[in-house]
Amino acid sequence: MKFVIVLFVGLSLFQLSCGARNRDFEAGNDAIAKVMIDDTGDIWLNSRPTSLALLDTEFARLKRVNGVVWYYQKSPSQAARASGAAVLTKVSEYQLQARMCASDDYCKKAFDE
């Protein structure tokens, strides 16, 4: 059931992210939050380990500056899916646009830096 909810939220956010591509280039780096979920389910924000509480603070700031979340999940492990669902819930809660970064997307390269 959780997988269905995550899939539904992901597809909803994907629709929003389609219009965000051009805005990503217009927005400065301070208007983009790069959120990555690693294999163990740990959450990283802009290449630094973080928590859901700190994401609240960052997402509230992004909401004020009309920012975008770039989201990347390294693996489909159980821990990563659970953390990913929590992060996507926060994105939805703050009504932020999100870009789901896949391995062949230009934004995926930002997570490799």
N, C-alpha and C. Protein backbone atom coordinates (compact mmCIF):
# COMPACT_ATOMS: atom_id res chain seq x y z
N MET A 1 0.82 -1.20 0.00
CA MET A 1 0.00 0.00 0.00
C MET A 1 0.86 1.26 0.00
N LYS A 2 1.97 1.24 0.80
CA LYS A 2 2.85 2.40 0.83
C LYS A 2 3.45 2.65 -0.54
N PHE A 3 3.79 1.58 -1.24
CA PHE A 3 4.38 1.73 -2.56
C PHE A 3 3.41 2.43 -3.50
N VAL A 4 2.14 2.10 -3.41
CA VAL A 4 1.14 2.73 -4.26
C VAL A 4 1.04 4.22 -3.95
N ILE A 5 1.09 4.57 -2.68
CA ILE A 5 1.02 5.98 -2.28
C ILE A 5 2.25 6.73 -2.79
N VAL A 6 3.43 6.13 -2.61
CA VAL A 6 4.66 6.77 -3.09
C VAL A 6 4.61 6.92 -4.61
N LEU A 7 4.13 5.90 -5.29
CA LEU A 7 4.03 5.97 -6.75
C LEU A 7 3.07 7.09 -7.17
N PHE A 8 1.94 7.19 -6.50
CA PHE A 8 0.96 8.23 -6.81
C PHE A 8 1.54 9.62 -6.57
N VAL A 9 2.20 9.81 -5.42
CA VAL A 9 2.80 11.11 -5.12
C VAL A 9 3.92 11.40 -6.12
N GLY A 10 4.71 10.38 -6.44
CA GLY A 10 5.79 10.57 -7.40
C GLY A 10 5.29 10.98 -8.76
N LEU A 11 4.25 10.32 -9.24
CA LEU A 11 3.70 10.68 -10.54
C LEU A 11 3.09 12.07 -10.53
N SER A 12 2.47 12.43 -9.43
CA SER A 12 1.90 13.78 -9.31
C SER A 12 3.01 14.83 -9.37
N LEU A 13 4.09 14.56 -8.65
CA LEU A 13 5.20 15.50 -8.64
C LEU A 13 5.92 15.53 -9.98
N PHE A 14 5.96 14.39 -10.64
CA PHE A 14 6.58 14.34 -11.96
C PHE A 14 5.87 15.27 -12.92
N GLN A 15 4.56 15.30 -12.84
CA GLN A 15 3.79 16.19 -13.70
C GLN A 15 4.18 17.64 -13.41
N LEU A 16 4.35 17.97 -12.14
CA LEU A 16 4.75 19.33 -11.79
C LEU A 16 6.16 19.63 -12.26
N SER A 17 7.04 18.62 -12.21
CA SER A 17 8.44 18.85 -12.56
C SER A 17 8.62 19.09 -14.05
N CYS A 18 7.70 18.66 -14.87
CA CYS A 18 7.83 18.88 -16.32
C CYS A 18 7.91 20.36 -16.63
N GLY A 19 7.17 21.18 -15.92
CA GLY A 19 7.21 22.62 -16.15
C GLY A 19 8.34 23.30 -15.42
N ALA A 20 9.03 22.57 -14.55
CA ALA A 20 10.08 23.19 -13.74
C ALA A 20 11.43 23.23 -14.45
N ARG A 21 11.61 22.49 -15.54
CA ARG A 21 12.91 22.41 -16.18
C ARG A 21 13.44 23.79 -16.57
N ASN A 22 12.65 24.60 -17.24
CA ASN A 22 13.10 25.92 -17.63
C ASN A 22 13.33 26.80 -16.42
N ARG A 23 12.50 26.65 -15.42
CA ARG A 23 12.65 27.47 -14.22
C ARG A 23 13.91 27.10 -13.46
N ASP A 24 14.35 25.84 -13.56
CA ASP A 24 15.58 25.41 -12.90
C ASP A 24 16.76 26.25 -13.36
N PHE A 25 16.80 26.54 -14.65
CA PHE A 25 17.90 27.30 -15.19
C PHE A 25 17.81 28.77 -14.79
N GLU A 26 16.59 29.27 -14.64
CA GLU A 26 16.39 30.67 -14.27
C GLU A 26 16.66 30.89 -12.78
N ALA A 27 16.39 29.87 -11.98
CA ALA A 27 16.56 30.00 -10.53
C ALA A 27 18.03 29.92 -10.16
N GLY A 28 18.40 30.68 -9.15
CA GLY A 28 19.77 30.59 -8.66
C GLY A 28 19.96 29.31 -7.85
N ASN A 29 21.21 29.02 -7.52
CA ASN A 29 21.50 27.81 -6.74
C ASN A 29 20.82 27.83 -5.38
N ASP A 30 20.55 29.01 -4.84
CA ASP A 30 19.90 29.08 -3.54
C ASP A 30 18.41 28.74 -3.61
N ALA A 31 17.88 28.60 -4.83
CA ALA A 31 16.46 28.25 -4.99
C ALA A 31 16.28 26.79 -5.39
N ILE A 32 17.38 26.01 -5.32
CA ILE A 32 17.31 24.59 -5.64
C ILE A 32 17.85 23.80 -4.45
N ALA A 33 17.04 22.87 -3.95
CA ALA A 33 17.48 21.97 -2.89
C ALA A 33 17.70 20.60 -3.52
N LYS A 34 18.92 20.08 -3.43
CA LYS A 34 19.26 18.79 -4.00
C LYS A 34 19.16 17.74 -2.90
N VAL A 35 18.09 16.95 -2.95
CA VAL A 35 17.83 15.94 -1.93
C VAL A 35 18.12 14.57 -2.51
N MET A 36 19.01 13.83 -1.85
CA MET A 36 19.36 12.49 -2.29
C MET A 36 19.10 11.50 -1.15
N ILE A 37 18.57 10.35 -1.52
CA ILE A 37 18.39 9.25 -0.56
C ILE A 37 19.41 8.19 -0.94
N ASP A 38 20.30 7.83 0.00
CA ASP A 38 21.31 6.83 -0.34
C ASP A 38 20.78 5.42 -0.11
N ASP A 39 21.65 4.43 -0.35
CA ASP A 39 21.25 3.02 -0.27
C ASP A 39 20.72 2.61 1.10
N THR A 40 21.22 3.26 2.15
CA THR A 40 20.81 2.90 3.51
C THR A 40 19.59 3.67 3.99
N GLY A 41 19.10 4.60 3.16
CA GLY A 41 17.93 5.39 3.55
C GLY A 41 18.28 6.71 4.18
N ASP A 42 19.59 7.02 4.29
CA ASP A 42 19.99 8.31 4.84
C ASP A 42 19.63 9.41 3.85
N ILE A 43 19.26 10.56 4.39
CA ILE A 43 18.84 11.71 3.57
C ILE A 43 19.99 12.71 3.51
N TRP A 44 20.28 13.17 2.30
CA TRP A 44 21.32 14.16 2.07
C TRP A 44 20.70 15.39 1.43
N LEU A 45 21.08 16.55 1.92
CA LEU A 45 20.61 17.82 1.37
C LEU A 45 21.82 18.62 0.92
N ASN A 46 21.90 18.89 -0.38
CA ASN A 46 23.03 19.64 -0.93
C ASN A 46 24.37 19.05 -0.49
N SER A 47 24.49 17.74 -0.64
CA SER A 47 25.72 16.98 -0.36
C SER A 47 26.08 16.89 1.12
N ARG A 48 25.12 17.15 2.00
CA ARG A 48 25.38 17.03 3.44
C ARG A 48 24.28 16.18 4.08
N PRO A 49 24.65 15.34 5.04
CA PRO A 49 23.61 14.55 5.72
C PRO A 49 22.64 15.47 6.44
N THR A 50 21.37 15.08 6.44
CA THR A 50 20.35 15.92 7.06
C THR A 50 19.27 15.05 7.68
N SER A 51 18.28 15.70 8.25
CA SER A 51 17.15 15.01 8.87
C SER A 51 15.86 15.60 8.32
N LEU A 52 14.76 14.93 8.63
CA LEU A 52 13.46 15.46 8.19
C LEU A 52 13.17 16.81 8.84
N ALA A 53 13.62 17.01 10.07
CA ALA A 53 13.39 18.29 10.76
C ALA A 53 14.12 19.42 10.03
N LEU A 54 15.34 19.17 9.59
CA LEU A 54 16.07 20.21 8.86
C LEU A 54 15.49 20.42 7.47
N LEU A 55 14.92 19.37 6.89
CA LEU A 55 14.24 19.55 5.60
C LEU A 55 13.04 20.47 5.75
N ASP A 56 12.35 20.40 6.88
CA ASP A 56 11.23 21.32 7.13
C ASP A 56 11.69 22.77 7.00
N THR A 57 12.81 23.07 7.64
CA THR A 57 13.35 24.43 7.60
C THR A 57 13.71 24.83 6.18
N GLU A 58 14.41 23.94 5.48
CA GLU A 58 14.83 24.25 4.10
C GLU A 58 13.64 24.36 3.15
N PHE A 59 12.67 23.48 3.30
CA PHE A 59 11.50 23.52 2.42
C PHE A 59 10.65 24.76 2.68
N ALA A 60 10.58 25.21 3.92
CA ALA A 60 9.86 26.46 4.23
C ALA A 60 10.56 27.64 3.55
N ARG A 61 11.90 27.64 3.57
CA ARG A 61 12.66 28.70 2.89
C ARG A 61 12.44 28.63 1.38
N LEU A 62 12.46 27.42 0.83
CA LEU A 62 12.24 27.26 -0.61
C LEU A 62 10.85 27.75 -1.02
N LYS A 63 9.88 27.50 -0.18
CA LYS A 63 8.51 27.95 -0.46
C LYS A 63 8.48 29.47 -0.58
N ARG A 64 9.20 30.14 0.30
CA ARG A 64 9.24 31.61 0.29
C ARG A 64 9.90 32.16 -0.98
N VAL A 65 10.93 31.46 -1.49
CA VAL A 65 11.65 31.96 -2.66
C VAL A 65 11.20 31.29 -3.96
N ASN A 66 10.08 30.53 -3.87
CA ASN A 66 9.54 29.84 -5.04
C ASN A 66 10.58 28.88 -5.63
N GLY A 67 11.20 28.10 -4.77
CA GLY A 67 12.28 27.20 -5.16
C GLY A 67 11.80 25.85 -5.68
N VAL A 68 12.78 25.03 -6.03
CA VAL A 68 12.55 23.72 -6.63
C VAL A 68 13.37 22.67 -5.87
N VAL A 69 12.81 21.48 -5.74
CA VAL A 69 13.54 20.36 -5.13
C VAL A 69 13.98 19.43 -6.25
N TRP A 70 15.28 19.12 -6.27
CA TRP A 70 15.79 18.07 -7.15
C TRP A 70 15.90 16.83 -6.28
N TYR A 71 15.27 15.75 -6.68
CA TYR A 71 15.20 14.54 -5.86
C TYR A 71 15.84 13.38 -6.60
N TYR A 72 16.71 12.67 -5.90
CA TYR A 72 17.36 11.49 -6.47
C TYR A 72 17.42 10.39 -5.41
N GLN A 73 17.01 9.21 -5.78
CA GLN A 73 17.06 8.05 -4.88
C GLN A 73 17.99 7.02 -5.51
N LYS A 74 19.07 6.70 -4.78
CA LYS A 74 20.10 5.82 -5.34
C LYS A 74 19.64 4.39 -5.60
N SER A 75 18.83 3.86 -4.72
CA SER A 75 18.44 2.45 -4.88
C SER A 75 17.00 2.25 -4.46
N PRO A 76 16.42 1.13 -4.87
CA PRO A 76 15.03 0.83 -4.48
C PRO A 76 14.95 0.00 -3.19
N SER A 77 15.97 0.08 -2.33
CA SER A 77 15.94 -0.70 -1.09
C SER A 77 14.78 -0.27 -0.20
N GLN A 78 14.43 -1.12 0.72
CA GLN A 78 13.31 -0.83 1.63
C GLN A 78 13.57 0.45 2.42
N ALA A 79 14.79 0.60 2.94
CA ALA A 79 15.13 1.79 3.72
C ALA A 79 15.06 3.05 2.86
N ALA A 80 15.55 2.96 1.63
CA ALA A 80 15.52 4.12 0.74
C ALA A 80 14.09 4.49 0.37
N ARG A 81 13.25 3.48 0.15
CA ARG A 81 11.85 3.77 -0.19
C ARG A 81 11.13 4.44 0.97
N ALA A 82 11.40 4.00 2.18
CA ALA A 82 10.75 4.59 3.36
C ALA A 82 11.17 6.06 3.52
N SER A 83 12.47 6.32 3.42
CA SER A 83 12.94 7.70 3.53
C SER A 83 12.43 8.55 2.38
N GLY A 84 12.42 7.96 1.18
CA GLY A 84 11.93 8.68 0.01
C GLY A 84 10.47 9.07 0.15
N ALA A 85 9.68 8.17 0.70
CA ALA A 85 8.26 8.47 0.91
C ALA A 85 8.10 9.63 1.89
N ALA A 86 8.92 9.65 2.93
CA ALA A 86 8.85 10.74 3.91
C ALA A 86 9.25 12.07 3.28
N VAL A 87 10.29 12.05 2.46
CA VAL A 87 10.74 13.28 1.80
C VAL A 87 9.68 13.77 0.82
N LEU A 88 9.13 12.87 0.02
CA LEU A 88 8.11 13.27 -0.96
C LEU A 88 6.85 13.78 -0.28
N THR A 89 6.54 13.26 0.89
CA THR A 89 5.42 13.77 1.67
C THR A 89 5.69 15.22 2.07
N LYS A 90 6.93 15.51 2.49
CA LYS A 90 7.31 16.88 2.85
C LYS A 90 7.22 17.81 1.64
N VAL A 91 7.68 17.34 0.48
CA VAL A 91 7.60 18.15 -0.74
C VAL A 91 6.14 18.49 -1.03
N SER A 92 5.29 17.51 -0.91
CA SER A 92 3.86 17.71 -1.15
C SER A 92 3.25 18.65 -0.10
N GLU A 93 3.66 18.46 1.14
CA GLU A 93 3.15 19.28 2.25
C GLU A 93 3.45 20.77 2.01
N TYR A 94 4.66 21.06 1.51
CA TYR A 94 5.05 22.45 1.25
C TYR A 94 4.66 22.91 -0.15
N GLN A 95 4.04 22.03 -0.93
CA GLN A 95 3.58 22.33 -2.28
C GLN A 95 4.72 22.89 -3.14
N LEU A 96 5.84 22.20 -3.10
CA LEU A 96 7.00 22.60 -3.88
C LEU A 96 7.03 21.84 -5.20
N GLN A 97 7.59 22.46 -6.19
CA GLN A 97 7.82 21.74 -7.44
C GLN A 97 9.04 20.86 -7.25
N ALA A 98 9.01 19.69 -7.86
CA ALA A 98 10.11 18.76 -7.71
C ALA A 98 10.54 18.23 -9.07
N ARG A 99 11.80 18.00 -9.19
CA ARG A 99 12.38 17.39 -10.38
C ARG A 99 12.92 16.03 -9.95
N MET A 100 12.35 14.96 -10.48
CA MET A 100 12.81 13.62 -10.17
C MET A 100 13.98 13.31 -11.08
N CYS A 101 15.15 13.18 -10.52
CA CYS A 101 16.37 12.99 -11.30
C CYS A 101 16.65 11.51 -11.49
N ALA A 102 16.66 11.07 -12.73
CA ALA A 102 17.01 9.70 -13.06
C ALA A 102 18.47 9.67 -13.52
N SER A 103 18.99 8.48 -13.71
CA SER A 103 20.41 8.34 -14.04
C SER A 103 20.80 9.03 -15.34
N ASP A 104 19.87 9.24 -16.24
CA ASP A 104 20.21 9.87 -17.51
C ASP A 104 19.79 11.34 -17.60
N ASP A 105 19.31 11.92 -16.52
CA ASP A 105 18.90 13.32 -16.51
C ASP A 105 20.08 14.24 -16.24
N TYR A 106 19.98 15.47 -16.77
CA TYR A 106 21.04 16.44 -16.53
C TYR A 106 21.20 16.75 -15.05
N CYS A 107 20.13 16.74 -14.29
CA CYS A 107 20.24 17.10 -12.87
C CYS A 107 20.91 16.00 -12.05
N LYS A 108 20.94 14.77 -12.55
CA LYS A 108 21.60 13.67 -11.83
C LYS A 108 23.09 13.98 -11.64
N LYS A 109 23.69 14.66 -12.61
CA LYS A 109 25.11 14.99 -12.53
C LYS A 109 25.42 15.87 -11.32
N ALA A 110 24.46 16.66 -10.88
CA ALA A 110 24.67 17.53 -9.72
C ALA A 110 24.88 16.72 -8.45
N PHE A 111 24.37 15.50 -8.41
CA PHE A 111 24.54 14.67 -7.21
C PHE A 111 25.87 13.94 -7.21
N ASP A 112 26.55 13.92 -8.34
CA ASP A 112 27.84 13.25 -8.45
C ASP A 112 29.01 14.16 -8.10
N GLU A 113 28.72 15.43 -7.93
CA GLU A 113 29.79 16.41 -7.63
C GLU A 113 30.28 16.27 -6.22
